[in-house]
Amino acid sequence: DCGSDGWVHGATLDWITDAGAEPHAVLACTLCYPTPLARAELRRIHTLRQWAVDDGWTWEVGYSDHTPGWESGGLAVAASATLLEKHYTLDESDPSVPDNGFALDPTAMALYVDAAERAHAALGAGRLDPTDIEMPARTGARRSICAARPITAGQPITAADITFLRPADPDGFDPSAARLVIGRTATADIPPGTVLPRSLLVRP
């Protein structure tokens, strides 16, 4: 559990790592029982993760959750927590259990776990290349180089002959390739508004 400031990093984590060991997991938290959701300090998760990266360690970084309610499970996972610790109770009305002010009963715990799992699924892989579900919209949103006016066979193509229209065509040219198209010659007539196919253009 890590619920203080940089002193914890300097004293606790350095004490462990200086001994040649590596923690299995380090959990961020706000040391307040219960912790208002607005004071959850979820960015501490990122801070601990960055410390691990900077020091060359690979420990899991999680969140020790003292907030009431179940919403924080998904929020902590979205903040990059890979481990959650949450108080659990079978009877939240029992006044003899001090943790009941922020513990979850079975129904609320199920919602907490579901929120965490949904958040994990929503995070994705983090890559910037298009995913499979983006490809149809990507094709429709992108453009190809098309004829702005009739192009006749044997005619060298000029900048005035081309325009950029949707959708993208796998046999066409991306607009960024305009300089590669200008100066080429069409081997067949190309009507206006149609894609300039790679197969019909020859280099000068």
N, C-alpha and C. Protein backbone atom coordinates (compact mmCIF):
# COMPACT_ATOMS: atom_id res chain seq x y z
N ASP A 1 0.84 -1.19 0.00
CA ASP A 1 0.00 0.00 0.00
C ASP A 1 0.88 1.25 0.00
N CYS A 2 0.55 2.18 -0.84
CA CYS A 2 1.29 3.44 -0.88
C CYS A 2 0.30 4.57 -0.79
N GLY A 3 0.23 5.24 0.34
CA GLY A 3 -0.75 6.28 0.49
C GLY A 3 -0.15 7.59 0.95
N SER A 4 1.15 7.77 0.79
CA SER A 4 1.78 9.00 1.25
C SER A 4 2.39 9.73 0.07
N ASP A 5 3.49 10.43 0.29
CA ASP A 5 4.12 11.20 -0.77
C ASP A 5 5.41 10.52 -1.21
N GLY A 6 6.33 11.30 -1.76
CA GLY A 6 7.56 10.73 -2.26
C GLY A 6 8.39 10.03 -1.22
N TRP A 7 8.16 10.32 0.07
CA TRP A 7 8.90 9.64 1.13
C TRP A 7 8.72 8.14 1.04
N VAL A 8 7.52 7.70 0.65
CA VAL A 8 7.27 6.27 0.55
C VAL A 8 8.19 5.66 -0.50
N HIS A 9 8.32 6.37 -1.63
CA HIS A 9 9.21 5.88 -2.67
C HIS A 9 10.63 5.82 -2.15
N GLY A 10 11.08 6.88 -1.48
CA GLY A 10 12.45 6.93 -1.01
C GLY A 10 12.73 5.92 0.07
N ALA A 11 11.78 5.67 0.96
CA ALA A 11 12.03 4.79 2.10
C ALA A 11 11.62 3.35 1.83
N THR A 12 10.37 3.16 1.47
CA THR A 12 9.84 1.80 1.37
C THR A 12 10.32 1.07 0.11
N LEU A 13 10.07 1.66 -1.04
CA LEU A 13 10.43 0.97 -2.28
C LEU A 13 11.93 0.86 -2.44
N ASP A 14 12.66 1.91 -2.10
CA ASP A 14 14.11 1.83 -2.20
C ASP A 14 14.68 0.83 -1.22
N TRP A 15 14.07 0.70 -0.04
CA TRP A 15 14.54 -0.27 0.94
C TRP A 15 14.39 -1.68 0.39
N ILE A 16 13.27 -1.94 -0.30
CA ILE A 16 13.04 -3.28 -0.88
C ILE A 16 13.99 -3.53 -2.04
N THR A 17 14.06 -2.56 -2.96
CA THR A 17 14.86 -2.79 -4.15
C THR A 17 16.35 -2.76 -3.87
N ASP A 18 16.78 -1.95 -2.88
CA ASP A 18 18.20 -1.94 -2.53
C ASP A 18 18.65 -3.28 -1.96
N ALA A 19 17.70 -4.04 -1.42
CA ALA A 19 18.03 -5.36 -0.88
C ALA A 19 18.09 -6.41 -1.98
N GLY A 20 17.85 -5.97 -3.22
CA GLY A 20 17.91 -6.90 -4.34
C GLY A 20 16.62 -7.60 -4.63
N ALA A 21 15.55 -7.20 -3.94
CA ALA A 21 14.25 -7.82 -4.17
C ALA A 21 13.39 -6.91 -5.03
N GLU A 22 12.32 -7.47 -5.54
CA GLU A 22 11.36 -6.68 -6.30
C GLU A 22 9.97 -6.96 -5.75
N PRO A 23 9.20 -5.91 -5.42
CA PRO A 23 7.83 -6.15 -4.95
C PRO A 23 7.00 -6.85 -6.03
N HIS A 24 6.10 -7.70 -5.59
CA HIS A 24 5.18 -8.30 -6.56
C HIS A 24 4.21 -7.26 -7.08
N ALA A 25 3.75 -6.39 -6.20
CA ALA A 25 2.79 -5.36 -6.58
C ALA A 25 2.91 -4.19 -5.62
N VAL A 26 2.62 -3.00 -6.14
CA VAL A 26 2.57 -1.79 -5.32
C VAL A 26 1.21 -1.14 -5.58
N LEU A 27 0.50 -0.85 -4.50
CA LEU A 27 -0.85 -0.31 -4.63
C LEU A 27 -0.89 1.14 -4.16
N ALA A 28 -1.45 1.99 -4.99
CA ALA A 28 -1.71 3.37 -4.59
C ALA A 28 -2.99 3.43 -3.79
N CYS A 29 -3.12 4.43 -2.94
CA CYS A 29 -4.37 4.62 -2.22
C CYS A 29 -4.41 6.02 -1.62
N THR A 30 -5.56 6.41 -1.13
CA THR A 30 -5.71 7.58 -0.29
C THR A 30 -6.01 7.07 1.11
N LEU A 31 -5.20 7.43 2.06
CA LEU A 31 -5.31 6.87 3.41
C LEU A 31 -6.38 7.62 4.20
N CYS A 32 -7.63 7.35 3.84
CA CYS A 32 -8.78 7.97 4.49
C CYS A 32 -9.93 6.98 4.40
N TYR A 33 -10.64 6.77 5.51
CA TYR A 33 -11.68 5.74 5.58
C TYR A 33 -13.02 6.35 6.00
N PRO A 34 -13.98 6.47 5.08
CA PRO A 34 -13.87 6.21 3.65
C PRO A 34 -13.24 7.38 2.91
N THR A 35 -12.84 7.14 1.67
CA THR A 35 -12.27 8.18 0.82
C THR A 35 -13.34 8.69 -0.14
N PRO A 36 -13.66 9.97 -0.13
CA PRO A 36 -14.60 10.49 -1.13
C PRO A 36 -14.05 10.24 -2.54
N LEU A 37 -14.92 9.89 -3.46
CA LEU A 37 -14.48 9.57 -4.81
C LEU A 37 -13.66 10.71 -5.42
N ALA A 38 -14.05 11.94 -5.12
CA ALA A 38 -13.34 13.09 -5.67
C ALA A 38 -11.92 13.23 -5.11
N ARG A 39 -11.60 12.48 -4.03
CA ARG A 39 -10.27 12.52 -3.44
C ARG A 39 -9.53 11.20 -3.64
N ALA A 40 -9.93 10.43 -4.63
CA ALA A 40 -9.35 9.10 -4.83
C ALA A 40 -7.91 9.14 -5.30
N GLU A 41 -7.45 10.24 -5.89
CA GLU A 41 -6.06 10.40 -6.33
C GLU A 41 -5.62 9.25 -7.24
N LEU A 42 -6.42 8.97 -8.25
CA LEU A 42 -6.11 7.85 -9.13
C LEU A 42 -4.84 8.08 -9.95
N ARG A 43 -4.43 9.33 -10.10
CA ARG A 43 -3.18 9.58 -10.85
C ARG A 43 -1.96 9.03 -10.11
N ARG A 44 -2.11 8.71 -8.83
CA ARG A 44 -1.00 8.07 -8.12
C ARG A 44 -0.63 6.73 -8.76
N ILE A 45 -1.61 6.10 -9.38
CA ILE A 45 -1.33 4.82 -10.06
C ILE A 45 -0.31 5.06 -11.16
N HIS A 46 -0.52 6.09 -11.95
CA HIS A 46 0.43 6.41 -13.02
C HIS A 46 1.79 6.78 -12.45
N THR A 47 1.80 7.54 -11.35
CA THR A 47 3.07 7.94 -10.74
C THR A 47 3.87 6.72 -10.32
N LEU A 48 3.21 5.75 -9.68
CA LEU A 48 3.91 4.53 -9.26
C LEU A 48 4.39 3.74 -10.47
N ARG A 49 3.60 3.71 -11.52
CA ARG A 49 4.00 2.98 -12.72
C ARG A 49 5.23 3.63 -13.35
N GLN A 50 5.26 4.95 -13.34
CA GLN A 50 6.42 5.65 -13.90
C GLN A 50 7.65 5.41 -13.06
N TRP A 51 7.49 5.38 -11.72
CA TRP A 51 8.63 5.06 -10.86
C TRP A 51 9.19 3.68 -11.21
N ALA A 52 8.30 2.73 -11.43
CA ALA A 52 8.75 1.38 -11.77
C ALA A 52 9.55 1.39 -13.07
N VAL A 53 9.03 2.10 -14.07
CA VAL A 53 9.73 2.19 -15.35
C VAL A 53 11.08 2.87 -15.19
N ASP A 54 11.10 3.98 -14.47
CA ASP A 54 12.35 4.73 -14.30
C ASP A 54 13.41 3.92 -13.56
N ASP A 55 12.96 3.06 -12.62
CA ASP A 55 13.91 2.28 -11.84
C ASP A 55 14.20 0.91 -12.44
N GLY A 56 13.56 0.62 -13.57
CA GLY A 56 13.82 -0.64 -14.25
C GLY A 56 13.15 -1.86 -13.64
N TRP A 57 12.04 -1.64 -12.90
CA TRP A 57 11.34 -2.75 -12.27
C TRP A 57 10.06 -3.08 -13.03
N THR A 58 9.52 -4.26 -12.80
CA THR A 58 8.35 -4.73 -13.55
C THR A 58 7.19 -5.10 -12.64
N TRP A 59 7.11 -4.51 -11.44
CA TRP A 59 6.05 -4.88 -10.53
C TRP A 59 4.68 -4.45 -11.06
N GLU A 60 3.66 -5.16 -10.61
CA GLU A 60 2.29 -4.77 -10.91
C GLU A 60 1.94 -3.51 -10.13
N VAL A 61 1.16 -2.64 -10.72
CA VAL A 61 0.73 -1.42 -10.06
C VAL A 61 -0.79 -1.44 -9.96
N GLY A 62 -1.29 -1.30 -8.74
CA GLY A 62 -2.73 -1.39 -8.54
C GLY A 62 -3.27 -0.27 -7.68
N TYR A 63 -4.48 -0.50 -7.15
CA TYR A 63 -5.14 0.51 -6.36
C TYR A 63 -5.82 -0.14 -5.16
N SER A 64 -5.50 0.37 -3.97
CA SER A 64 -6.17 -0.04 -2.74
C SER A 64 -7.32 0.92 -2.52
N ASP A 65 -8.53 0.44 -2.72
CA ASP A 65 -9.71 1.28 -2.89
C ASP A 65 -10.48 1.45 -1.58
N HIS A 66 -10.48 2.68 -1.07
CA HIS A 66 -11.22 2.98 0.16
C HIS A 66 -12.45 3.84 -0.12
N THR A 67 -12.83 3.97 -1.40
CA THR A 67 -14.00 4.78 -1.73
C THR A 67 -15.27 3.97 -1.51
N PRO A 68 -16.38 4.61 -1.16
CA PRO A 68 -17.66 3.90 -1.11
C PRO A 68 -18.20 3.73 -2.53
N GLY A 69 -19.05 2.77 -2.73
CA GLY A 69 -19.64 2.57 -4.05
C GLY A 69 -18.76 1.73 -4.95
N TRP A 70 -19.32 1.39 -6.11
CA TRP A 70 -18.66 0.45 -7.01
C TRP A 70 -18.05 1.11 -8.25
N GLU A 71 -18.29 2.40 -8.49
CA GLU A 71 -17.87 3.04 -9.73
C GLU A 71 -16.36 3.12 -9.89
N SER A 72 -15.66 3.16 -8.78
CA SER A 72 -14.21 3.38 -8.83
C SER A 72 -13.45 2.20 -9.43
N GLY A 73 -14.05 1.03 -9.50
CA GLY A 73 -13.35 -0.12 -10.08
C GLY A 73 -12.96 0.14 -11.53
N GLY A 74 -13.92 0.58 -12.32
CA GLY A 74 -13.62 0.88 -13.72
C GLY A 74 -12.71 2.07 -13.87
N LEU A 75 -12.87 3.07 -13.00
CA LEU A 75 -12.03 4.26 -13.09
C LEU A 75 -10.57 3.93 -12.79
N ALA A 76 -10.34 3.08 -11.81
CA ALA A 76 -8.96 2.72 -11.45
C ALA A 76 -8.30 1.93 -12.57
N VAL A 77 -9.04 1.02 -13.18
CA VAL A 77 -8.48 0.26 -14.30
C VAL A 77 -8.18 1.18 -15.47
N ALA A 78 -9.08 2.14 -15.73
CA ALA A 78 -8.82 3.11 -16.80
C ALA A 78 -7.59 3.95 -16.50
N ALA A 79 -7.27 4.11 -15.21
CA ALA A 79 -6.07 4.85 -14.81
C ALA A 79 -4.83 3.97 -14.80
N SER A 80 -4.95 2.76 -15.31
CA SER A 80 -3.86 1.79 -15.54
C SER A 80 -3.60 0.83 -14.39
N ALA A 81 -4.50 0.73 -13.42
CA ALA A 81 -4.33 -0.27 -12.36
C ALA A 81 -4.52 -1.67 -12.92
N THR A 82 -3.64 -2.59 -12.57
CA THR A 82 -3.78 -3.98 -12.99
C THR A 82 -4.13 -4.89 -11.81
N LEU A 83 -4.30 -4.30 -10.63
CA LEU A 83 -4.67 -5.06 -9.44
C LEU A 83 -5.53 -4.15 -8.57
N LEU A 84 -6.65 -4.68 -8.08
CA LEU A 84 -7.55 -3.90 -7.23
C LEU A 84 -7.75 -4.61 -5.90
N GLU A 85 -7.76 -3.80 -4.84
CA GLU A 85 -8.07 -4.31 -3.50
C GLU A 85 -9.27 -3.52 -2.99
N LYS A 86 -10.35 -4.23 -2.65
CA LYS A 86 -11.58 -3.57 -2.24
C LYS A 86 -12.17 -4.31 -1.05
N HIS A 87 -12.65 -3.57 -0.06
CA HIS A 87 -13.23 -4.19 1.14
C HIS A 87 -14.61 -4.77 0.80
N TYR A 88 -14.88 -5.93 1.41
CA TYR A 88 -16.08 -6.71 1.09
C TYR A 88 -16.83 -7.02 2.38
N THR A 89 -18.15 -6.96 2.33
CA THR A 89 -18.95 -7.26 3.52
C THR A 89 -20.20 -8.03 3.13
N LEU A 90 -20.65 -8.86 4.05
CA LEU A 90 -21.93 -9.56 3.84
C LEU A 90 -23.09 -8.80 4.46
N ASP A 91 -22.78 -7.86 5.34
CA ASP A 91 -23.84 -7.09 6.00
C ASP A 91 -23.34 -5.68 6.25
N GLU A 92 -23.61 -4.76 5.32
CA GLU A 92 -23.09 -3.41 5.44
C GLU A 92 -23.79 -2.60 6.54
N SER A 93 -24.87 -3.16 7.09
CA SER A 93 -25.58 -2.45 8.16
C SER A 93 -25.05 -2.80 9.54
N ASP A 94 -24.10 -3.72 9.62
CA ASP A 94 -23.57 -4.14 10.92
C ASP A 94 -22.65 -3.06 11.48
N PRO A 95 -23.04 -2.37 12.55
CA PRO A 95 -22.24 -1.26 13.07
C PRO A 95 -20.97 -1.71 13.76
N SER A 96 -20.83 -2.99 14.03
CA SER A 96 -19.63 -3.46 14.73
C SER A 96 -18.44 -3.60 13.79
N VAL A 97 -18.66 -3.47 12.49
CA VAL A 97 -17.57 -3.61 11.52
C VAL A 97 -17.23 -2.22 10.98
N PRO A 98 -16.09 -1.64 11.37
CA PRO A 98 -15.78 -0.27 10.97
C PRO A 98 -15.61 -0.09 9.46
N ASP A 99 -15.21 -1.15 8.76
CA ASP A 99 -14.99 -1.04 7.32
C ASP A 99 -16.28 -0.98 6.52
N ASN A 100 -17.40 -1.23 7.14
CA ASN A 100 -18.65 -1.28 6.40
C ASN A 100 -19.03 0.05 5.76
N GLY A 101 -18.42 1.15 6.21
CA GLY A 101 -18.72 2.44 5.61
C GLY A 101 -18.23 2.56 4.18
N PHE A 102 -17.30 1.69 3.78
CA PHE A 102 -16.81 1.74 2.39
C PHE A 102 -16.66 0.35 1.78
N ALA A 103 -17.18 -0.67 2.45
CA ALA A 103 -17.15 -2.02 1.91
C ALA A 103 -18.35 -2.25 1.00
N LEU A 104 -18.23 -3.23 0.12
CA LEU A 104 -19.30 -3.55 -0.82
C LEU A 104 -19.95 -4.87 -0.45
N ASP A 105 -21.27 -4.92 -0.58
CA ASP A 105 -21.97 -6.18 -0.39
C ASP A 105 -21.88 -6.99 -1.69
N PRO A 106 -22.35 -8.24 -1.71
CA PRO A 106 -22.18 -9.07 -2.91
C PRO A 106 -22.72 -8.44 -4.19
N THR A 107 -23.87 -7.79 -4.12
CA THR A 107 -24.44 -7.18 -5.33
C THR A 107 -23.55 -6.05 -5.84
N ALA A 108 -23.13 -5.17 -4.94
CA ALA A 108 -22.29 -4.05 -5.34
C ALA A 108 -20.91 -4.53 -5.79
N MET A 109 -20.39 -5.60 -5.17
CA MET A 109 -19.09 -6.12 -5.57
C MET A 109 -19.15 -6.67 -7.00
N ALA A 110 -20.27 -7.30 -7.34
CA ALA A 110 -20.43 -7.79 -8.71
C ALA A 110 -20.40 -6.63 -9.70
N LEU A 111 -21.02 -5.51 -9.34
CA LEU A 111 -20.99 -4.33 -10.20
C LEU A 111 -19.57 -3.76 -10.28
N TYR A 112 -18.85 -3.80 -9.18
CA TYR A 112 -17.47 -3.30 -9.14
C TYR A 112 -16.58 -4.11 -10.09
N VAL A 113 -16.71 -5.42 -10.01
CA VAL A 113 -15.91 -6.30 -10.87
C VAL A 113 -16.30 -6.11 -12.33
N ASP A 114 -17.59 -6.00 -12.59
CA ASP A 114 -18.05 -5.80 -13.96
C ASP A 114 -17.52 -4.49 -14.53
N ALA A 115 -17.54 -3.42 -13.73
CA ALA A 115 -17.03 -2.13 -14.19
C ALA A 115 -15.54 -2.22 -14.51
N ALA A 116 -14.79 -2.95 -13.67
CA ALA A 116 -13.36 -3.11 -13.90
C ALA A 116 -13.10 -3.90 -15.17
N GLU A 117 -13.87 -4.96 -15.37
CA GLU A 117 -13.67 -5.79 -16.56
C GLU A 117 -14.05 -5.03 -17.84
N ARG A 118 -15.12 -4.24 -17.78
CA ARG A 118 -15.51 -3.44 -18.95
C ARG A 118 -14.45 -2.40 -19.28
N ALA A 119 -13.90 -1.78 -18.24
CA ALA A 119 -12.85 -0.80 -18.47
C ALA A 119 -11.63 -1.44 -19.09
N HIS A 120 -11.27 -2.64 -18.60
CA HIS A 120 -10.11 -3.34 -19.15
C HIS A 120 -10.33 -3.67 -20.62
N ALA A 121 -11.53 -4.11 -20.95
CA ALA A 121 -11.83 -4.44 -22.35
C ALA A 121 -11.79 -3.19 -23.22
N ALA A 122 -12.25 -2.07 -22.66
CA ALA A 122 -12.31 -0.83 -23.44
C ALA A 122 -10.93 -0.23 -23.69
N LEU A 123 -9.94 -0.58 -22.87
CA LEU A 123 -8.60 0.00 -23.03
C LEU A 123 -7.96 -0.40 -24.36
N GLY A 124 -8.22 -1.61 -24.82
CA GLY A 124 -7.63 -2.06 -26.07
C GLY A 124 -6.13 -2.27 -25.94
N ALA A 125 -5.48 -2.36 -27.11
CA ALA A 125 -4.05 -2.68 -27.14
C ALA A 125 -3.17 -1.44 -27.12
N GLY A 126 -3.72 -0.29 -27.40
CA GLY A 126 -2.93 0.93 -27.39
C GLY A 126 -2.20 1.23 -28.68
N ARG A 127 -2.31 0.36 -29.67
CA ARG A 127 -1.64 0.61 -30.95
C ARG A 127 -2.41 1.67 -31.74
N LEU A 128 -1.71 2.40 -32.59
CA LEU A 128 -2.33 3.46 -33.37
C LEU A 128 -2.72 3.03 -34.77
N ASP A 129 -2.33 1.81 -35.18
CA ASP A 129 -2.75 1.34 -36.49
C ASP A 129 -4.23 0.96 -36.44
N PRO A 130 -4.95 1.03 -37.56
CA PRO A 130 -6.39 0.77 -37.55
C PRO A 130 -6.72 -0.66 -37.12
N THR A 131 -7.78 -0.79 -36.34
CA THR A 131 -8.27 -2.11 -35.96
C THR A 131 -9.26 -2.60 -37.03
N ASP A 132 -9.66 -3.86 -36.92
CA ASP A 132 -10.53 -4.43 -37.94
C ASP A 132 -11.87 -3.71 -38.01
N ILE A 133 -12.41 -3.27 -36.88
CA ILE A 133 -13.73 -2.63 -36.93
C ILE A 133 -13.65 -1.21 -37.50
N GLU A 134 -12.44 -0.66 -37.60
CA GLU A 134 -12.29 0.69 -38.15
C GLU A 134 -12.14 0.70 -39.67
N MET A 135 -11.84 -0.47 -40.25
CA MET A 135 -11.50 -0.49 -41.66
C MET A 135 -12.63 -0.01 -42.58
N PRO A 136 -13.91 -0.43 -42.37
CA PRO A 136 -14.96 0.07 -43.26
C PRO A 136 -15.09 1.59 -43.23
N ALA A 137 -15.09 2.18 -42.04
CA ALA A 137 -15.20 3.63 -41.94
C ALA A 137 -13.95 4.32 -42.48
N ARG A 138 -12.80 3.69 -42.27
CA ARG A 138 -11.55 4.27 -42.77
C ARG A 138 -11.58 4.34 -44.30
N THR A 139 -12.09 3.28 -44.93
CA THR A 139 -12.18 3.28 -46.38
C THR A 139 -13.13 4.36 -46.86
N GLY A 140 -14.26 4.50 -46.17
CA GLY A 140 -15.23 5.50 -46.57
C GLY A 140 -14.78 6.92 -46.31
N ALA A 141 -13.97 7.11 -45.28
CA ALA A 141 -13.56 8.46 -44.90
C ALA A 141 -12.36 8.95 -45.70
N ARG A 142 -11.54 8.03 -46.17
CA ARG A 142 -10.33 8.42 -46.90
C ARG A 142 -10.64 8.64 -48.38
N ARG A 143 -9.72 9.23 -49.09
CA ARG A 143 -9.94 9.61 -50.48
C ARG A 143 -8.93 8.94 -51.41
N SER A 144 -9.27 8.90 -52.67
CA SER A 144 -8.36 8.46 -53.73
C SER A 144 -8.18 9.59 -54.73
N ILE A 145 -7.11 9.52 -55.48
CA ILE A 145 -6.91 10.48 -56.57
C ILE A 145 -7.83 10.10 -57.72
N CYS A 146 -8.65 11.07 -58.14
CA CYS A 146 -9.63 10.83 -59.19
C CYS A 146 -9.44 11.86 -60.32
N ALA A 147 -10.06 11.57 -61.44
CA ALA A 147 -10.01 12.50 -62.57
C ALA A 147 -10.93 13.69 -62.30
N ALA A 148 -10.38 14.90 -62.39
CA ALA A 148 -11.18 16.10 -62.22
C ALA A 148 -11.91 16.47 -63.51
N ARG A 149 -11.42 15.95 -64.61
CA ARG A 149 -12.02 16.18 -65.93
C ARG A 149 -11.63 15.01 -66.82
N PRO A 150 -12.20 14.89 -68.00
CA PRO A 150 -11.86 13.73 -68.84
C PRO A 150 -10.36 13.65 -69.14
N ILE A 151 -9.83 12.46 -68.98
CA ILE A 151 -8.43 12.20 -69.30
C ILE A 151 -8.41 11.19 -70.44
N THR A 152 -7.74 11.53 -71.51
CA THR A 152 -7.72 10.65 -72.69
C THR A 152 -6.46 9.79 -72.69
N ALA A 153 -6.55 8.66 -73.35
CA ALA A 153 -5.41 7.75 -73.46
C ALA A 153 -4.23 8.47 -74.09
N GLY A 154 -3.05 8.27 -73.52
CA GLY A 154 -1.84 8.89 -74.03
C GLY A 154 -1.60 10.29 -73.50
N GLN A 155 -2.51 10.82 -72.70
CA GLN A 155 -2.39 12.19 -72.18
C GLN A 155 -1.58 12.21 -70.89
N PRO A 156 -0.50 13.01 -70.83
CA PRO A 156 0.21 13.18 -69.56
C PRO A 156 -0.70 13.89 -68.56
N ILE A 157 -0.69 13.44 -67.36
CA ILE A 157 -1.59 13.97 -66.33
C ILE A 157 -0.95 15.18 -65.66
N THR A 158 -1.74 16.25 -65.51
CA THR A 158 -1.28 17.46 -64.85
C THR A 158 -2.02 17.63 -63.52
N ALA A 159 -1.58 18.61 -62.73
CA ALA A 159 -2.23 18.87 -61.46
C ALA A 159 -3.69 19.27 -61.65
N ALA A 160 -4.00 19.94 -62.76
CA ALA A 160 -5.38 20.36 -63.02
C ALA A 160 -6.29 19.19 -63.38
N ASP A 161 -5.71 18.05 -63.70
CA ASP A 161 -6.50 16.89 -64.12
C ASP A 161 -7.00 16.05 -62.95
N ILE A 162 -6.48 16.31 -61.74
CA ILE A 162 -6.80 15.41 -60.64
C ILE A 162 -7.57 16.12 -59.53
N THR A 163 -8.32 15.34 -58.79
CA THR A 163 -9.01 15.79 -57.59
C THR A 163 -9.00 14.64 -56.60
N PHE A 164 -9.43 14.87 -55.36
CA PHE A 164 -9.40 13.85 -54.32
C PHE A 164 -10.82 13.59 -53.85
N LEU A 165 -11.31 12.37 -54.08
CA LEU A 165 -12.70 12.04 -53.76
C LEU A 165 -12.77 10.78 -52.90
N ARG A 166 -13.85 10.70 -52.09
CA ARG A 166 -14.14 9.48 -51.34
C ARG A 166 -14.93 8.53 -52.24
N PRO A 167 -14.87 7.21 -51.91
CA PRO A 167 -14.06 6.54 -50.87
C PRO A 167 -12.68 6.19 -51.39
N ALA A 168 -11.85 5.68 -50.49
CA ALA A 168 -10.55 5.17 -50.91
C ALA A 168 -10.74 3.92 -51.75
N ASP A 169 -9.86 3.73 -52.73
CA ASP A 169 -9.93 2.57 -53.61
C ASP A 169 -8.60 1.84 -53.55
N PRO A 170 -8.61 0.53 -53.29
CA PRO A 170 -7.34 -0.19 -53.17
C PRO A 170 -6.50 -0.17 -54.44
N ASP A 171 -7.14 0.05 -55.59
CA ASP A 171 -6.39 0.11 -56.85
C ASP A 171 -5.98 1.54 -57.19
N GLY A 172 -6.38 2.50 -56.33
CA GLY A 172 -6.07 3.90 -56.61
C GLY A 172 -4.87 4.39 -55.84
N PHE A 173 -4.69 5.70 -55.90
CA PHE A 173 -3.58 6.35 -55.23
C PHE A 173 -4.10 7.19 -54.06
N ASP A 174 -3.40 7.16 -52.94
CA ASP A 174 -3.70 8.04 -51.83
C ASP A 174 -3.37 9.48 -52.24
N PRO A 175 -4.12 10.48 -51.76
CA PRO A 175 -3.81 11.87 -52.12
C PRO A 175 -2.36 12.27 -51.86
N SER A 176 -1.73 11.65 -50.89
CA SER A 176 -0.33 11.99 -50.60
C SER A 176 0.61 11.60 -51.73
N ALA A 177 0.14 10.78 -52.66
CA ALA A 177 0.96 10.32 -53.78
C ALA A 177 0.73 11.16 -55.04
N ALA A 178 0.13 12.34 -54.88
CA ALA A 178 -0.20 13.16 -56.06
C ALA A 178 1.03 13.44 -56.92
N ARG A 179 2.15 13.72 -56.27
CA ARG A 179 3.35 14.05 -57.04
C ARG A 179 3.86 12.86 -57.86
N LEU A 180 3.47 11.66 -57.45
CA LEU A 180 3.86 10.47 -58.21
C LEU A 180 2.94 10.22 -59.39
N VAL A 181 1.74 10.80 -59.34
CA VAL A 181 0.76 10.62 -60.40
C VAL A 181 0.96 11.65 -61.51
N ILE A 182 1.24 12.88 -61.11
CA ILE A 182 1.42 13.95 -62.09
C ILE A 182 2.60 13.63 -63.01
N GLY A 183 2.36 13.71 -64.30
CA GLY A 183 3.38 13.39 -65.29
C GLY A 183 3.24 12.00 -65.88
N ARG A 184 2.47 11.12 -65.20
CA ARG A 184 2.22 9.80 -65.78
C ARG A 184 1.23 9.91 -66.94
N THR A 185 1.16 8.86 -67.72
CA THR A 185 0.29 8.83 -68.90
C THR A 185 -0.76 7.75 -68.73
N ALA A 186 -2.01 8.09 -69.11
CA ALA A 186 -3.09 7.11 -69.05
C ALA A 186 -3.05 6.22 -70.27
N THR A 187 -3.26 4.93 -70.07
CA THR A 187 -3.28 3.99 -71.20
C THR A 187 -4.69 3.77 -71.73
N ALA A 188 -5.67 4.40 -71.10
CA ALA A 188 -7.06 4.33 -71.56
C ALA A 188 -7.77 5.59 -71.12
N ASP A 189 -8.91 5.87 -71.72
CA ASP A 189 -9.68 7.04 -71.32
C ASP A 189 -10.21 6.86 -69.89
N ILE A 190 -10.15 7.93 -69.12
CA ILE A 190 -10.64 7.90 -67.74
C ILE A 190 -11.69 8.99 -67.59
N PRO A 191 -12.94 8.62 -67.32
CA PRO A 191 -14.01 9.63 -67.19
C PRO A 191 -13.81 10.49 -65.95
N PRO A 192 -14.35 11.69 -65.95
CA PRO A 192 -14.24 12.55 -64.77
C PRO A 192 -14.95 11.93 -63.56
N GLY A 193 -14.37 12.16 -62.37
CA GLY A 193 -14.98 11.66 -61.15
C GLY A 193 -14.64 10.23 -60.82
N THR A 194 -13.87 9.56 -61.66
CA THR A 194 -13.51 8.17 -61.40
C THR A 194 -12.07 8.07 -60.92
N VAL A 195 -11.78 6.98 -60.22
CA VAL A 195 -10.44 6.76 -59.66
C VAL A 195 -9.42 6.57 -60.78
N LEU A 196 -8.25 7.13 -60.56
CA LEU A 196 -7.13 6.87 -61.47
C LEU A 196 -6.49 5.55 -61.06
N PRO A 197 -6.77 4.46 -61.78
CA PRO A 197 -6.24 3.16 -61.34
C PRO A 197 -4.75 3.04 -61.60
N ARG A 198 -4.08 2.39 -60.72
CA ARG A 198 -2.65 2.15 -60.90
C ARG A 198 -2.38 1.39 -62.20
N SER A 199 -3.30 0.47 -62.54
CA SER A 199 -3.08 -0.38 -63.70
C SER A 199 -3.16 0.37 -65.03
N LEU A 200 -3.74 1.59 -65.02
CA LEU A 200 -3.91 2.35 -66.26
C LEU A 200 -2.92 3.50 -66.41
N LEU A 201 -2.02 3.64 -65.46
CA LEU A 201 -1.07 4.75 -65.53
C LEU A 201 0.35 4.22 -65.72
N VAL A 202 1.06 4.81 -66.64
CA VAL A 202 2.44 4.40 -66.87
C VAL A 202 3.34 5.58 -66.57
N ARG A 203 4.55 5.28 -66.12
CA ARG A 203 5.50 6.34 -65.79
C ARG A 203 6.01 6.99 -67.08
N PRO A 204 6.36 8.27 -66.99
CA PRO A 204 6.88 8.96 -68.16
C PRO A 204 8.25 8.40 -68.56
